[in-house]
Amino acid sequence: MTGLKIIPAFFLLMVLTYFGIQFVEANRDEVMVTVGSWQSRPLALGFVVITSFFLGMVFSAALSISEVLRLHLNNHRMKRKIAELQNFANSSTAGTQPATDISSAKPSGRFN
């Protein structure tokens, strides 16, 4: 079933690529990009726009990856803390009453 989900995305990318090529072809005016004292050679306007779009995608992907890694590490830290608290609860109630294991507890069905 995952292959069937990829096919529409592939066709969408093909259509977007076609429109991107048409955009570059329609915008052949030459521009010069100046950053500080550096100045580029004359480039097609469509090339400059498409390049800045792709650089923005790469930059945002890098920021997203860093956020996902931060969340993953935070999740791992919380799981270790839960395991420590379960061990502490099991050791403190071992002689008085049986401890309920979180993994064996039945869900109420409210959040499933």
C-alpha atoms as a PDB file:
ATOM      1  CA  MET A   1       0.000   0.000   0.000  1.00  0.00           C
ATOM      2  CA  THR A   2       2.875   2.420   0.572  1.00  0.00           C
ATOM      3  CA  GLY A   3       3.776   2.233  -3.115  1.00  0.00           C
ATOM      4  CA  LEU A   4       0.318   3.495  -3.997  1.00  0.00           C
ATOM      5  CA  LYS A   5       0.832   6.507  -1.728  1.00  0.00           C
ATOM      6  CA  ILE A   6       4.128   7.384  -3.406  1.00  0.00           C
ATOM      7  CA  ILE A   7       2.740   7.425  -6.961  1.00  0.00           C
ATOM      8  CA  PRO A   8       0.621  10.614  -6.564  1.00  0.00           C
ATOM      9  CA  ALA A   9       3.555  12.364  -4.873  1.00  0.00           C
ATOM     10  CA  PHE A  10       5.785  11.369  -7.798  1.00  0.00           C
ATOM     11  CA  PHE A  11       3.314  12.792 -10.319  1.00  0.00           C
ATOM     12  CA  LEU A  12       2.980  15.974  -8.258  1.00  0.00           C
ATOM     13  CA  LEU A  13       6.763  16.402  -8.304  1.00  0.00           C
ATOM     14  CA  MET A  14       6.779  15.872 -12.074  1.00  0.00           C
ATOM     15  CA  VAL A  15       4.140  18.589 -12.541  1.00  0.00           C
ATOM     16  CA  LEU A  16       5.983  20.985 -10.215  1.00  0.00           C
ATOM     17  CA  THR A  17       9.232  20.322 -12.089  1.00  0.00           C
ATOM     18  CA  TYR A  18       7.495  21.122 -15.368  1.00  0.00           C
ATOM     19  CA  PHE A  19       6.192  24.424 -13.979  1.00  0.00           C
ATOM     20  CA  GLY A  20       9.629  25.208 -12.548  1.00  0.00           C
ATOM     21  CA  ILE A  21      11.233  24.702 -15.956  1.00  0.00           C
ATOM     22  CA  GLN A  22       8.551  26.885 -17.568  1.00  0.00           C
ATOM     23  CA  PHE A  23       9.215  29.564 -14.955  1.00  0.00           C
ATOM     24  CA  VAL A  24      12.941  29.557 -15.654  1.00  0.00           C
ATOM     25  CA  GLU A  25      12.327  29.682 -19.413  1.00  0.00           C
ATOM     26  CA  ALA A  26       9.909  32.604 -19.052  1.00  0.00           C
ATOM     27  CA  ASN A  27      12.276  34.617 -16.810  1.00  0.00           C
ATOM     28  CA  ARG A  28      15.464  34.866 -18.820  1.00  0.00           C
ATOM     29  CA  ASP A  29      16.153  38.474 -17.808  1.00  0.00           C
ATOM     30  CA  GLU A  30      19.650  38.781 -16.428  1.00  0.00           C
ATOM     31  CA  VAL A  31      20.230  40.092 -12.921  1.00  0.00           C
ATOM     32  CA  MET A  32      23.298  40.541 -10.765  1.00  0.00           C
ATOM     33  CA  VAL A  33      23.200  39.517  -7.117  1.00  0.00           C
ATOM     34  CA  THR A  34      25.149  41.780  -4.752  1.00  0.00           C
ATOM     35  CA  VAL A  35      25.961  40.678  -1.197  1.00  0.00           C
ATOM     36  CA  GLY A  36      28.116  43.190   0.645  1.00  0.00           C
ATOM     37  CA  SER A  37      31.062  43.945  -1.609  1.00  0.00           C
ATOM     38  CA  TRP A  38      30.686  40.704  -3.594  1.00  0.00           C
ATOM     39  CA  GLN A  39      28.806  40.797  -6.878  1.00  0.00           C
ATOM     40  CA  SER A  40      27.853  37.818  -9.026  1.00  0.00           C
ATOM     41  CA  ARG A  41      28.102  37.568 -12.754  1.00  0.00           C
ATOM     42  CA  PRO A  42      24.846  38.159 -14.678  1.00  0.00           C
ATOM     43  CA  LEU A  43      22.445  35.268 -14.046  1.00  0.00           C
ATOM     44  CA  ALA A  44      18.966  34.481 -15.302  1.00  0.00           C
ATOM     45  CA  LEU A  45      16.241  35.739 -12.970  1.00  0.00           C
ATOM     46  CA  GLY A  46      14.527  32.342 -12.957  1.00  0.00           C
ATOM     47  CA  PHE A  47      17.769  30.651 -11.934  1.00  0.00           C
ATOM     48  CA  VAL A  48      18.221  33.072  -9.028  1.00  0.00           C
ATOM     49  CA  VAL A  49      14.647  32.539  -7.811  1.00  0.00           C
ATOM     50  CA  ILE A  50      14.789  28.732  -8.099  1.00  0.00           C
ATOM     51  CA  THR A  51      18.211  28.625  -6.412  1.00  0.00           C
ATOM     52  CA  SER A  52      17.036  30.751  -3.501  1.00  0.00           C
ATOM     53  CA  PHE A  53      13.946  28.524  -3.163  1.00  0.00           C
ATOM     54  CA  PHE A  54      16.058  25.357  -2.984  1.00  0.00           C
ATOM     55  CA  LEU A  55      18.537  26.932  -0.561  1.00  0.00           C
ATOM     56  CA  GLY A  56      15.586  27.866   1.664  1.00  0.00           C
ATOM     57  CA  MET A  57      14.351  24.277   1.514  1.00  0.00           C
ATOM     58  CA  VAL A  58      17.778  22.954   2.535  1.00  0.00           C
ATOM     59  CA  PHE A  59      18.035  25.461   5.386  1.00  0.00           C
ATOM     60  CA  SER A  60      14.553  24.666   6.698  1.00  0.00           C
ATOM     61  CA  ALA A  61      15.236  20.916   6.441  1.00  0.00           C
ATOM     62  CA  ALA A  62      18.398  21.370   8.512  1.00  0.00           C
ATOM     63  CA  LEU A  63      16.440  23.285  11.153  1.00  0.00           C
ATOM     64  CA  SER A  64      13.721  20.618  11.161  1.00  0.00           C
ATOM     65  CA  ILE A  65      16.268  17.835  11.592  1.00  0.00           C
ATOM     66  CA  SER A  66      17.835  19.627  14.541  1.00  0.00           C
ATOM     67  CA  GLU A  67      14.394  20.028  16.143  1.00  0.00           C
ATOM     68  CA  VAL A  68      13.566  16.336  15.600  1.00  0.00           C
ATOM     69  CA  LEU A  69      16.892  15.317  17.157  1.00  0.00           C
ATOM     70  CA  ARG A  70      16.236  17.569  20.149  1.00  0.00           C
ATOM     71  CA  LEU A  71      12.784  16.040  20.640  1.00  0.00           C
ATOM     72  CA  HIS A  72      14.204  12.520  20.277  1.00  0.00           C
ATOM     73  CA  LEU A  73      16.854  13.162  22.917  1.00  0.00           C
ATOM     74  CA  ASN A  74      14.279  14.734  25.237  1.00  0.00           C
ATOM     75  CA  ASN A  75      11.983  11.717  24.739  1.00  0.00           C
ATOM     76  CA  HIS A  76      14.847   9.327  25.519  1.00  0.00           C
ATOM     77  CA  ARG A  77      15.670  11.293  28.690  1.00  0.00           C
ATOM     78  CA  MET A  78      12.045  11.157  29.821  1.00  0.00           C
ATOM     79  CA  LYS A  79      11.846   7.393  29.218  1.00  0.00           C
ATOM     80  CA  ARG A  80      14.935   6.886  31.387  1.00  0.00           C
ATOM     81  CA  LYS A  81      13.392   9.068  34.102  1.00  0.00           C
ATOM     82  CA  ILE A  82      10.158   7.013  33.985  1.00  0.00           C
ATOM     83  CA  ALA A  83      12.163   3.786  34.301  1.00  0.00           C
ATOM     84  CA  GLU A  84      14.028   5.217  37.318  1.00  0.00           C
ATOM     85  CA  LEU A  85      10.766   6.278  38.948  1.00  0.00           C
ATOM     86  CA  GLN A  86       9.232   2.836  38.313  1.00  0.00           C
ATOM     87  CA  ASN A  87      12.255   1.158  39.886  1.00  0.00           C
ATOM     88  CA  PHE A  88      12.031   3.507  42.864  1.00  0.00           C
ATOM     89  CA  ALA A  89       8.293   2.829  43.245  1.00  0.00           C
ATOM     90  CA  ASN A  90       8.827  -0.930  42.973  1.00  0.00           C
ATOM     91  CA  SER A  91      11.603  -0.925  45.544  1.00  0.00           C
ATOM     92  CA  SER A  92       9.735   1.285  48.047  1.00  0.00           C
ATOM     93  CA  THR A  93       6.483  -0.736  47.864  1.00  0.00           C
ATOM     94  CA  ALA A  94       8.007  -4.214  47.530  1.00  0.00           C
ATOM     95  CA  GLY A  95       7.231  -5.215  51.114  1.00  0.00           C
ATOM     96  CA  THR A  96       3.869  -3.514  51.612  1.00  0.00           C
ATOM     97  CA  GLN A  97       1.753  -4.002  48.498  1.00  0.00           C
ATOM     98  CA  PRO A  98       2.187  -5.229  44.926  1.00  0.00           C
ATOM     99  CA  ALA A  99       3.210  -2.458  42.550  1.00  0.00           C
ATOM    100  CA  THR A 100       1.266  -1.910  39.330  1.00  0.00           C
ATOM    101  CA  ASP A 101       3.468  -2.153  36.255  1.00  0.00           C
ATOM    102  CA  ILE A 102       2.730   0.580  33.736  1.00  0.00           C
ATOM    103  CA  SER A 103       3.152  -1.766  30.770  1.00  0.00           C
ATOM    104  CA  SER A 104       0.557  -4.231  32.173  1.00  0.00           C
ATOM    105  CA  ALA A 105      -2.015  -1.569  33.072  1.00  0.00           C
ATOM    106  CA  LYS A 106      -5.108  -1.622  30.887  1.00  0.00           C
ATOM    107  CA  PRO A 107      -5.961   1.617  29.074  1.00  0.00           C
ATOM    108  CA  SER A 108      -9.251   3.270  29.907  1.00  0.00           C
ATOM    109  CA  GLY A 109     -10.088   3.708  26.239  1.00  0.00           C
ATOM    110  CA  ARG A 110     -10.453   7.454  26.533  1.00  0.00           C
ATOM    111  CA  PHE A 111      -7.203   8.366  24.758  1.00  0.00           C
ATOM    112  CA  ASN A 112      -6.869   5.401  22.374  1.00  0.00           C
END
